[in-house]
Amino acid sequence: MKQLLRQKWFHGDLTAHESLKRLMDKAPGTFLVRLGHTIGCFTLCYVDQDHTIHCHSIEKRVHIAEDETVSEELVLQGRSLQICSSLEELIAAQVYLSQ
């Protein structure tokens, strides 16, 4: 969590309305990630090429194997379904976002 808090794109416990206000009038590719409404989930909000703001859920899924090992994955729902092992990896995979 410490590493996440250091990311300039992570805005913590922000409302949907505040997210829209922060992205209004920003350049295409500008984005932020905030905590989602469900515990353990996040929301990715970004400005597209038409200056429209989109918000997509990032869901945390936990898998328990037969040998009782636990693995987690993050699933981005929206433009396409993408599965990554960390939030940083998921953000890096979104080529339409600025850095």
PDB file of N, CA and C in Angstrom:
ATOM      1  N   MET A   1       0.826  -1.201   0.000  1.00  0.00           N
ATOM      2  CA  MET A   1       0.000   0.000   0.000  1.00  0.00           C
ATOM      3  C   MET A   1       0.865   1.259   0.000  1.00  0.00           C
ATOM      4  N   LYS A   2       2.024   1.213   0.664  1.00  0.00           N
ATOM      5  CA  LYS A   2       2.903   2.382   0.684  1.00  0.00           C
ATOM      6  C   LYS A   2       3.312   2.787  -0.725  1.00  0.00           C
ATOM      7  N   GLN A   3       3.649   1.783  -1.543  1.00  0.00           N
ATOM      8  CA  GLN A   3       4.068   2.056  -2.922  1.00  0.00           C
ATOM      9  C   GLN A   3       2.917   2.691  -3.710  1.00  0.00           C
ATOM     10  N   LEU A   4       1.722   2.222  -3.483  1.00  0.00           N
ATOM     11  CA  LEU A   4       0.546   2.764  -4.161  1.00  0.00           C
ATOM     12  C   LEU A   4       0.328   4.223  -3.786  1.00  0.00           C
ATOM     13  N   LEU A   5       0.488   4.546  -2.517  1.00  0.00           N
ATOM     14  CA  LEU A   5       0.284   5.915  -2.055  1.00  0.00           C
ATOM     15  C   LEU A   5       1.296   6.893  -2.644  1.00  0.00           C
ATOM     16  N   ARG A   6       2.440   6.397  -3.111  1.00  0.00           N
ATOM     17  CA  ARG A   6       3.464   7.253  -3.726  1.00  0.00           C
ATOM     18  C   ARG A   6       3.176   7.573  -5.184  1.00  0.00           C
ATOM     19  N   GLN A   7       2.257   6.845  -5.794  1.00  0.00           N
ATOM     20  CA  GLN A   7       1.947   7.060  -7.210  1.00  0.00           C
ATOM     21  C   GLN A   7       1.176   8.363  -7.389  1.00  0.00           C
ATOM     22  N   LYS A   8       1.621   9.183  -8.328  1.00  0.00           N
ATOM     23  CA  LYS A   8       0.943  10.474  -8.552  1.00  0.00           C
ATOM     24  C   LYS A   8      -0.470  10.295  -9.092  1.00  0.00           C
ATOM     25  N   TRP A   9      -0.751   9.156  -9.709  1.00  0.00           N
ATOM     26  CA  TRP A   9      -2.068   8.910 -10.290  1.00  0.00           C
ATOM     27  C   TRP A   9      -3.068   8.332  -9.285  1.00  0.00           C
ATOM     28  N   PHE A  10      -2.606   7.949  -8.090  1.00  0.00           N
ATOM     29  CA  PHE A  10      -3.522   7.391  -7.099  1.00  0.00           C
ATOM     30  C   PHE A  10      -4.070   8.505  -6.222  1.00  0.00           C
ATOM     31  N   HIS A  11      -5.399   8.625  -6.173  1.00  0.00           N
ATOM     32  CA  HIS A  11      -6.047   9.713  -5.453  1.00  0.00           C
ATOM     33  C   HIS A  11      -6.827   9.256  -4.236  1.00  0.00           C
ATOM     34  N   GLY A  12      -6.687   7.994  -3.853  1.00  0.00           N
ATOM     35  CA  GLY A  12      -7.282   7.512  -2.604  1.00  0.00           C
ATOM     36  C   GLY A  12      -8.798   7.480  -2.600  1.00  0.00           C
ATOM     37  N   ASP A  13      -9.360   7.902  -1.485  1.00  0.00           N
ATOM     38  CA  ASP A  13     -10.803   7.834  -1.247  1.00  0.00           C
ATOM     39  C   ASP A  13     -11.480   9.077  -1.815  1.00  0.00           C
ATOM     40  N   LEU A  14     -11.660   9.081  -3.107  1.00  0.00           N
ATOM     41  CA  LEU A  14     -12.223  10.211  -3.841  1.00  0.00           C
ATOM     42  C   LEU A  14     -13.608   9.825  -4.345  1.00  0.00           C
ATOM     43  N   THR A  15     -14.551  10.728  -4.322  1.00  0.00           N
ATOM     44  CA  THR A  15     -15.879  10.431  -4.859  1.00  0.00           C
ATOM     45  C   THR A  15     -15.848  10.466  -6.383  1.00  0.00           C
ATOM     46  N   ALA A  16     -16.856   9.883  -6.991  1.00  0.00           N
ATOM     47  CA  ALA A  16     -16.971   9.910  -8.448  1.00  0.00           C
ATOM     48  C   ALA A  16     -17.063  11.357  -8.943  1.00  0.00           C
ATOM     49  N   HIS A  17     -17.815  12.172  -8.242  1.00  0.00           N
ATOM     50  CA  HIS A  17     -17.974  13.579  -8.625  1.00  0.00           C
ATOM     51  C   HIS A  17     -16.634  14.317  -8.571  1.00  0.00           C
ATOM     52  N   GLU A  18     -15.870  14.097  -7.492  1.00  0.00           N
ATOM     53  CA  GLU A  18     -14.562  14.739  -7.374  1.00  0.00           C
ATOM     54  C   GLU A  18     -13.606  14.266  -8.473  1.00  0.00           C
ATOM     55  N   SER A  19     -13.707  12.995  -8.841  1.00  0.00           N
ATOM     56  CA  SER A  19     -12.870  12.461  -9.929  1.00  0.00           C
ATOM     57  C   SER A  19     -13.146  13.223 -11.218  1.00  0.00           C
ATOM     58  N   LEU A  20     -14.414  13.399 -11.529  1.00  0.00           N
ATOM     59  CA  LEU A  20     -14.793  14.118 -12.750  1.00  0.00           C
ATOM     60  C   LEU A  20     -14.296  15.555 -12.712  1.00  0.00           C
ATOM     61  N   LYS A  21     -14.432  16.205 -11.563  1.00  0.00           N
ATOM     62  CA  LYS A  21     -13.970  17.592 -11.429  1.00  0.00           C
ATOM     63  C   LYS A  21     -12.461  17.693 -11.650  1.00  0.00           C
ATOM     64  N   ARG A  22     -11.697  16.729 -11.133  1.00  0.00           N
ATOM     65  CA  ARG A  22     -10.240  16.772 -11.274  1.00  0.00           C
ATOM     66  C   ARG A  22      -9.794  16.518 -12.711  1.00  0.00           C
ATOM     67  N   LEU A  23     -10.581  15.769 -13.470  1.00  0.00           N
ATOM     68  CA  LEU A  23     -10.198  15.447 -14.855  1.00  0.00           C
ATOM     69  C   LEU A  23     -10.780  16.404 -15.890  1.00  0.00           C
ATOM     70  N   MET A  24     -11.761  17.192 -15.488  1.00  0.00           N
ATOM     71  CA  MET A  24     -12.385  18.134 -16.407  1.00  0.00           C
ATOM     72  C   MET A  24     -11.327  19.092 -16.958  1.00  0.00           C
ATOM     73  N   ASP A  25     -11.361  19.329 -18.243  1.00  0.00           N
ATOM     74  CA  ASP A  25     -10.438  20.237 -18.929  1.00  0.00           C
ATOM     75  C   ASP A  25      -8.991  19.741 -18.965  1.00  0.00           C
ATOM     76  N   LYS A  26      -8.774  18.445 -18.706  1.00  0.00           N
ATOM     77  CA  LYS A  26      -7.424  17.877 -18.789  1.00  0.00           C
ATOM     78  C   LYS A  26      -7.193  17.296 -20.181  1.00  0.00           C
ATOM     79  N   ALA A  27      -5.938  17.101 -20.528  1.00  0.00           N
ATOM     80  CA  ALA A  27      -5.562  16.579 -21.844  1.00  0.00           C
ATOM     81  C   ALA A  27      -5.930  15.101 -21.976  1.00  0.00           C
ATOM     82  N   PRO A  28      -6.210  14.656 -23.204  1.00  0.00           N
ATOM     83  CA  PRO A  28      -6.448  13.227 -23.425  1.00  0.00           C
ATOM     84  C   PRO A  28      -5.280  12.398 -22.880  1.00  0.00           C
ATOM     85  N   GLY A  29      -5.616  11.283 -22.261  1.00  0.00           N
ATOM     86  CA  GLY A  29      -4.607  10.414 -21.664  1.00  0.00           C
ATOM     87  C   GLY A  29      -4.395  10.670 -20.186  1.00  0.00           C
ATOM     88  N   THR A  30      -4.906  11.798 -19.693  1.00  0.00           N
ATOM     89  CA  THR A  30      -4.802  12.082 -18.262  1.00  0.00           C
ATOM     90  C   THR A  30      -5.714  11.119 -17.517  1.00  0.00           C
ATOM     91  N   PHE A  31      -5.244  10.602 -16.385  1.00  0.00           N
ATOM     92  CA  PHE A  31      -6.041   9.628 -15.650  1.00  0.00           C
ATOM     93  C   PHE A  31      -5.764   9.693 -14.163  1.00  0.00           C
ATOM     94  N   LEU A  32      -6.624   9.039 -13.414  1.00  0.00           N
ATOM     95  CA  LEU A  32      -6.422   8.850 -11.988  1.00  0.00           C
ATOM     96  C   LEU A  32      -7.042   7.522 -11.587  1.00  0.00           C
ATOM     97  N   VAL A  33      -6.583   7.005 -10.470  1.00  0.00           N
ATOM     98  CA  VAL A  33      -7.160   5.800  -9.887  1.00  0.00           C
ATOM     99  C   VAL A  33      -7.595   6.164  -8.483  1.00  0.00           C
ATOM    100  N   ARG A  34      -8.777   5.744  -8.131  1.00  0.00           N
ATOM    101  CA  ARG A  34      -9.302   6.000  -6.791  1.00  0.00           C
ATOM    102  C   ARG A  34      -9.821   4.695  -6.209  1.00  0.00           C
ATOM    103  N   LEU A  35     -10.077   4.711  -4.921  1.00  0.00           N
ATOM    104  CA  LEU A  35     -10.684   3.547  -4.287  1.00  0.00           C
ATOM    105  C   LEU A  35     -12.077   3.352  -4.849  1.00  0.00           C
ATOM    106  N   GLY A  36     -12.479   2.109  -5.035  1.00  0.00           N
ATOM    107  CA  GLY A  36     -13.814   1.809  -5.535  1.00  0.00           C
ATOM    108  C   GLY A  36     -14.825   1.773  -4.398  1.00  0.00           C
ATOM    109  N   HIS A  37     -16.067   1.561  -4.751  1.00  0.00           N
ATOM    110  CA  HIS A  37     -17.133   1.500  -3.748  1.00  0.00           C
ATOM    111  C   HIS A  37     -17.103   0.192  -2.978  1.00  0.00           C
ATOM    112  N   THR A  38     -16.511  -0.843  -3.558  1.00  0.00           N
ATOM    113  CA  THR A  38     -16.405  -2.151  -2.925  1.00  0.00           C
ATOM    114  C   THR A  38     -15.012  -2.298  -2.318  1.00  0.00           C
ATOM    115  N   ILE A  39     -14.916  -2.834  -1.131  1.00  0.00           N
ATOM    116  CA  ILE A  39     -13.634  -3.016  -0.463  1.00  0.00           C
ATOM    117  C   ILE A  39     -12.701  -3.853  -1.337  1.00  0.00           C
ATOM    118  N   GLY A  40     -11.475  -3.373  -1.496  1.00  0.00           N
ATOM    119  CA  GLY A  40     -10.478  -4.083  -2.293  1.00  0.00           C
ATOM    120  C   GLY A  40     -10.522  -3.777  -3.775  1.00  0.00           C
ATOM    121  N   CYS A  41     -11.469  -2.966  -4.203  1.00  0.00           N
ATOM    122  CA  CYS A  41     -11.595  -2.620  -5.623  1.00  0.00           C
ATOM    123  C   CYS A  41     -11.173  -1.170  -5.851  1.00  0.00           C
ATOM    124  N   PHE A  42     -10.890  -0.859  -7.098  1.00  0.00           N
ATOM    125  CA  PHE A  42     -10.474   0.480  -7.491  1.00  0.00           C
ATOM    126  C   PHE A  42     -11.307   0.924  -8.684  1.00  0.00           C
ATOM    127  N   THR A  43     -11.191   2.207  -9.037  1.00  0.00           N
ATOM    128  CA  THR A  43     -11.820   2.737 -10.234  1.00  0.00           C
ATOM    129  C   THR A  43     -10.777   3.530 -11.011  1.00  0.00           C
ATOM    130  N   LEU A  44     -10.662   3.233 -12.302  1.00  0.00           N
ATOM    131  CA  LEU A  44      -9.777   3.960 -13.206  1.00  0.00           C
ATOM    132  C   LEU A  44     -10.627   4.966 -13.972  1.00  0.00           C
ATOM    133  N   CYS A  45     -10.265   6.241 -13.888  1.00  0.00           N
ATOM    134  CA  CYS A  45     -10.957   7.297 -14.627  1.00  0.00           C
ATOM    135  C   CYS A  45      -9.939   7.965 -15.549  1.00  0.00           C
ATOM    136  N   TYR A  46     -10.317   8.183 -16.816  1.00  0.00           N
ATOM    137  CA  TYR A  46      -9.375   8.770 -17.772  1.00  0.00           C
ATOM    138  C   TYR A  46     -10.108   9.624 -18.796  1.00  0.00           C
ATOM    139  N   VAL A  47      -9.351  10.498 -19.443  1.00  0.00           N
ATOM    140  CA  VAL A  47      -9.860  11.370 -20.500  1.00  0.00           C
ATOM    141  C   VAL A  47      -9.456  10.763 -21.838  1.00  0.00           C
ATOM    142  N   ASP A  48     -10.448  10.539 -22.726  1.00  0.00           N
ATOM    143  CA  ASP A  48     -10.125   9.956 -24.030  1.00  0.00           C
ATOM    144  C   ASP A  48      -9.810  11.046 -25.056  1.00  0.00           C
ATOM    145  N   GLN A  49      -9.552  10.636 -26.294  1.00  0.00           N
ATOM    146  CA  GLN A  49      -9.167  11.563 -27.363  1.00  0.00           C
ATOM    147  C   GLN A  49     -10.252  12.590 -27.691  1.00  0.00           C
ATOM    148  N   ASP A  50     -11.508  12.272 -27.369  1.00  0.00           N
ATOM    149  CA  ASP A  50     -12.621  13.201 -27.606  1.00  0.00           C
ATOM    150  C   ASP A  50     -12.916  14.058 -26.390  1.00  0.00           C
ATOM    151  N   HIS A  51     -12.029  14.010 -25.394  1.00  0.00           N
ATOM    152  CA  HIS A  51     -12.169  14.759 -24.135  1.00  0.00           C
ATOM    153  C   HIS A  51     -13.359  14.282 -23.301  1.00  0.00           C
ATOM    154  N   THR A  52     -13.742  13.022 -23.499  1.00  0.00           N
ATOM    155  CA  THR A  52     -14.792  12.407 -22.694  1.00  0.00           C
ATOM    156  C   THR A  52     -14.129  11.672 -21.541  1.00  0.00           C
ATOM    157  N   ILE A  53     -14.714  11.766 -20.364  1.00  0.00           N
ATOM    158  CA  ILE A  53     -14.161  11.091 -19.193  1.00  0.00           C
ATOM    159  C   ILE A  53     -14.861   9.747 -19.025  1.00  0.00           C
ATOM    160  N   HIS A  54     -14.068   8.696 -18.884  1.00  0.00           N
ATOM    161  CA  HIS A  54     -14.586   7.342 -18.681  1.00  0.00           C
ATOM    162  C   HIS A  54     -14.113   6.828 -17.328  1.00  0.00           C
ATOM    163  N   CYS A  55     -14.930   6.009 -16.703  1.00  0.00           N
ATOM    164  CA  CYS A  55     -14.560   5.364 -15.447  1.00  0.00           C
ATOM    165  C   CYS A  55     -14.832   3.869 -15.572  1.00  0.00           C
ATOM    166  N   HIS A  56     -13.834   3.063 -15.207  1.00  0.00           N
ATOM    167  CA  HIS A  56     -13.958   1.613 -15.284  1.00  0.00           C
ATOM    168  C   HIS A  56     -13.562   0.992 -13.949  1.00  0.00           C
ATOM    169  N   SER A  57     -14.281  -0.029 -13.564  1.00  0.00           N
ATOM    170  CA  SER A  57     -14.001  -0.737 -12.315  1.00  0.00           C
ATOM    171  C   SER A  57     -12.790  -1.646 -12.458  1.00  0.00           C
ATOM    172  N   ILE A  58     -12.017  -1.716 -11.395  1.00  0.00           N
ATOM    173  CA  ILE A  58     -10.916  -2.668 -11.285  1.00  0.00           C
ATOM    174  C   ILE A  58     -11.260  -3.547 -10.092  1.00  0.00           C
ATOM    175  N   GLU A  59     -11.522  -4.794 -10.372  1.00  0.00           N
ATOM    176  CA  GLU A  59     -11.969  -5.737  -9.346  1.00  0.00           C
ATOM    177  C   GLU A  59     -10.822  -6.626  -8.895  1.00  0.00           C
ATOM    178  N   LYS A  60     -10.726  -6.857  -7.599  1.00  0.00           N
ATOM    179  CA  LYS A  60      -9.719  -7.780  -7.070  1.00  0.00           C
ATOM    180  C   LYS A  60     -10.358  -9.153  -6.951  1.00  0.00           C
ATOM    181  N   ARG A  61      -9.684 -10.160  -7.529  1.00  0.00           N
ATOM    182  CA  ARG A  61     -10.161 -11.543  -7.432  1.00  0.00           C
ATOM    183  C   ARG A  61      -9.110 -12.364  -6.696  1.00  0.00           C
ATOM    184  N   VAL A  62      -9.585 -13.211  -5.814  1.00  0.00           N
ATOM    185  CA  VAL A  62      -8.704 -14.075  -5.031  1.00  0.00           C
ATOM    186  C   VAL A  62      -8.990 -15.520  -5.417  1.00  0.00           C
ATOM    187  N   HIS A  63      -7.918 -16.274  -5.663  1.00  0.00           N
ATOM    188  CA  HIS A  63      -8.043 -17.686  -6.012  1.00  0.00           C
ATOM    189  C   HIS A  63      -7.316 -18.521  -4.975  1.00  0.00           C
ATOM    190  N   ILE A  64      -7.931 -19.595  -4.561  1.00  0.00           N
ATOM    191  CA  ILE A  64      -7.302 -20.534  -3.638  1.00  0.00           C
ATOM    192  C   ILE A  64      -7.164 -21.860  -4.367  1.00  0.00           C
ATOM    193  N   ALA A  65      -5.927 -22.299  -4.551  1.00  0.00           N
ATOM    194  CA  ALA A  65      -5.652 -23.547  -5.267  1.00  0.00           C
ATOM    195  C   ALA A  65      -5.898 -24.740  -4.346  1.00  0.00           C
ATOM    196  N   GLU A  66      -5.892 -25.914  -4.944  1.00  0.00           N
ATOM    197  CA  GLU A  66      -6.097 -27.142  -4.167  1.00  0.00           C
ATOM    198  C   GLU A  66      -5.060 -27.312  -3.064  1.00  0.00           C
ATOM    199  N   ASP A  67      -3.841 -26.818  -3.303  1.00  0.00           N
ATOM    200  CA  ASP A  67      -2.800 -26.907  -2.270  1.00  0.00           C
ATOM    201  C   ASP A  67      -2.889 -25.752  -1.270  1.00  0.00           C
ATOM    202  N   GLU A  68      -3.973 -24.989  -1.336  1.00  0.00           N
ATOM    203  CA  GLU A  68      -4.310 -23.881  -0.440  1.00  0.00           C
ATOM    204  C   GLU A  68      -3.430 -22.647  -0.616  1.00  0.00           C
ATOM    205  N   THR A  69      -2.691 -22.572  -1.722  1.00  0.00           N
ATOM    206  CA  THR A  69      -1.965 -21.339  -2.003  1.00  0.00           C
ATOM    207  C   THR A  69      -2.961 -20.306  -2.513  1.00  0.00           C
ATOM    208  N   VAL A  70      -2.737 -19.088  -2.116  1.00  0.00           N
ATOM    209  CA  VAL A  70      -3.643 -17.992  -2.468  1.00  0.00           C
ATOM    210  C   VAL A  70      -2.967 -17.096  -3.498  1.00  0.00           C
ATOM    211  N   SER A  71      -3.695 -16.759  -4.548  1.00  0.00           N
ATOM    212  CA  SER A  71      -3.198 -15.802  -5.531  1.00  0.00           C
ATOM    213  C   SER A  71      -4.281 -14.757  -5.776  1.00  0.00           C
ATOM    214  N   GLU A  72      -3.831 -13.556  -6.070  1.00  0.00           N
ATOM    215  CA  GLU A  72      -4.756 -12.453  -6.336  1.00  0.00           C
ATOM    216  C   GLU A  72      -4.485 -11.918  -7.731  1.00  0.00           C
ATOM    217  N   GLU A  73      -5.530 -11.399  -8.343  1.00  0.00           N
ATOM    218  CA  GLU A  73      -5.380 -10.736  -9.632  1.00  0.00           C
ATOM    219  C   GLU A  73      -6.334  -9.554  -9.672  1.00  0.00           C
ATOM    220  N   LEU A  74      -5.980  -8.572 -10.467  1.00  0.00           N
ATOM    221  CA  LEU A  74      -6.833  -7.407 -10.669  1.00  0.00           C
ATOM    222  C   LEU A  74      -7.391  -7.470 -12.080  1.00  0.00           C
ATOM    223  N   VAL A  75      -8.687  -7.226 -12.209  1.00  0.00           N
ATOM    224  CA  VAL A  75      -9.359  -7.322 -13.494  1.00  0.00           C
ATOM    225  C   VAL A  75      -9.959  -5.963 -13.830  1.00  0.00           C
ATOM    226  N   LEU A  76      -9.521  -5.401 -14.959  1.00  0.00           N
ATOM    227  CA  LEU A  76     -10.059  -4.132 -15.446  1.00  0.00           C
ATOM    228  C   LEU A  76     -11.236  -4.430 -16.346  1.00  0.00           C
ATOM    229  N   GLN A  77     -12.371  -3.842 -16.025  1.00  0.00           N
ATOM    230  CA  GLN A  77     -13.566  -4.036 -16.830  1.00  0.00           C
ATOM    231  C   GLN A  77     -13.861  -2.736 -17.564  1.00  0.00           C
ATOM    232  N   GLY A  78     -14.171  -2.835 -18.837  1.00  0.00           N
ATOM    233  CA  GLY A  78     -14.456  -1.624 -19.597  1.00  0.00           C
ATOM    234  C   GLY A  78     -14.086  -1.808 -21.045  1.00  0.00           C
ATOM    235  N   ARG A  79     -13.069  -1.077 -21.492  1.00  0.00           N
ATOM    236  CA  ARG A  79     -12.640  -1.145 -22.898  1.00  0.00           C
ATOM    237  C   ARG A  79     -12.398  -2.580 -23.319  1.00  0.00           C
ATOM    238  N   SER A  80     -11.708  -3.312 -22.482  1.00  0.00           N
ATOM    239  CA  SER A  80     -11.464  -4.735 -22.702  1.00  0.00           C
ATOM    240  C   SER A  80     -11.211  -5.336 -21.327  1.00  0.00           C
ATOM    241  N   LEU A  81     -11.378  -6.615 -21.216  1.00  0.00           N
ATOM    242  CA  LEU A  81     -11.145  -7.278 -19.943  1.00  0.00           C
ATOM    243  C   LEU A  81      -9.659  -7.589 -19.853  1.00  0.00           C
ATOM    244  N   GLN A  82      -8.982  -6.991 -18.893  1.00  0.00           N
ATOM    245  CA  GLN A  82      -7.554  -7.222 -18.722  1.00  0.00           C
ATOM    246  C   GLN A  82      -7.298  -7.727 -17.317  1.00  0.00           C
ATOM    247  N   ILE A  83      -6.399  -8.705 -17.209  1.00  0.00           N
ATOM    248  CA  ILE A  83      -6.066  -9.294 -15.921  1.00  0.00           C
ATOM    249  C   ILE A  83      -4.589  -9.077 -15.662  1.00  0.00           C
ATOM    250  N   CYS A  84      -4.251  -8.518 -14.498  1.00  0.00           N
ATOM    251  CA  CYS A  84      -2.866  -8.246 -14.124  1.00  0.00           C
ATOM    252  C   CYS A  84      -2.659  -8.620 -12.657  1.00  0.00           C
ATOM    253  N   SER A  85      -1.405  -8.726 -12.274  1.00  0.00           N
ATOM    254  CA  SER A  85      -1.108  -9.116 -10.901  1.00  0.00           C
ATOM    255  C   SER A  85      -0.979  -7.932  -9.953  1.00  0.00           C
ATOM    256  N   SER A  86      -0.825  -6.719 -10.494  1.00  0.00           N
ATOM    257  CA  SER A  86      -0.733  -5.539  -9.630  1.00  0.00           C
ATOM    258  C   SER A  86      -1.387  -4.341 -10.315  1.00  0.00           C
ATOM    259  N   LEU A  87      -1.713  -3.353  -9.512  1.00  0.00           N
ATOM    260  CA  LEU A  87      -2.321  -2.142 -10.057  1.00  0.00           C
ATOM    261  C   LEU A  87      -1.331  -1.408 -10.953  1.00  0.00           C
ATOM    262  N   GLU A  88      -0.068  -1.375 -10.562  1.00  0.00           N
ATOM    263  CA  GLU A  88       0.961  -0.719 -11.375  1.00  0.00           C
ATOM    264  C   GLU A  88       1.091  -1.399 -12.732  1.00  0.00           C
ATOM    265  N   GLU A  89       1.069  -2.718 -12.751  1.00  0.00           N
ATOM    266  CA  GLU A  89       1.157  -3.472 -14.006  1.00  0.00           C
ATOM    267  C   GLU A  89      -0.061  -3.194 -14.888  1.00  0.00           C
ATOM    268  N   LEU A  90      -1.223  -3.125 -14.274  1.00  0.00           N
ATOM    269  CA  LEU A  90      -2.451  -2.869 -15.015  1.00  0.00           C
ATOM    270  C   LEU A  90      -2.416  -1.477 -15.654  1.00  0.00           C
ATOM    271  N   ILE A  91      -1.981  -0.482 -14.900  1.00  0.00           N
ATOM    272  CA  ILE A  91      -1.897   0.884 -15.426  1.00  0.00           C
ATOM    273  C   ILE A  91      -0.879   0.949 -16.566  1.00  0.00           C
ATOM    274  N   ALA A  92       0.269   0.311 -16.396  1.00  0.00           N
ATOM    275  CA  ALA A  92       1.307   0.323 -17.431  1.00  0.00           C
ATOM    276  C   ALA A  92       0.823  -0.302 -18.733  1.00  0.00           C
ATOM    277  N   ALA A  93      -0.130  -1.220 -18.653  1.00  0.00           N
ATOM    278  CA  ALA A  93      -0.630  -1.916 -19.846  1.00  0.00           C
ATOM    279  C   ALA A  93      -1.634  -1.068 -20.634  1.00  0.00           C
ATOM    280  N   GLN A  94      -2.069   0.034 -20.073  1.00  0.00           N
ATOM    281  CA  GLN A  94      -3.060   0.877 -20.751  1.00  0.00           C
ATOM    282  C   GLN A  94      -2.354   1.908 -21.621  1.00  0.00           C
ATOM    283  N   VAL A  95      -2.137   1.596 -22.876  1.00  0.00           N
ATOM    284  CA  VAL A  95      -1.354   2.450 -23.770  1.00  0.00           C
ATOM    285  C   VAL A  95      -2.031   3.779 -24.062  1.00  0.00           C
ATOM    286  N   TYR A  96      -3.319   3.909 -23.775  1.00  0.00           N
ATOM    287  CA  TYR A  96      -4.020   5.167 -24.050  1.00  0.00           C
ATOM    288  C   TYR A  96      -3.880   6.167 -22.900  1.00  0.00           C
ATOM    289  N   LEU A  97      -3.157   5.802 -21.847  1.00  0.00           N
ATOM    290  CA  LEU A  97      -2.968   6.699 -20.714  1.00  0.00           C
ATOM    291  C   LEU A  97      -1.596   7.348 -20.765  1.00  0.00           C
ATOM    292  N   SER A  98      -1.533   8.608 -20.332  1.00  0.00           N
ATOM    293  CA  SER A  98      -0.249   9.306 -20.273  1.00  0.00           C
ATOM    294  C   SER A  98       0.476   8.895 -19.005  1.00  0.00           C
ATOM    295  N   GLN A  99       1.749   9.086 -18.964  1.00  0.00           N
ATOM    296  CA  GLN A  99       2.547   8.761 -17.767  1.00  0.00           C
ATOM    297  C   GLN A  99       2.961  10.029 -17.054  1.00  0.00           C
TER     298      GLN A  99
END
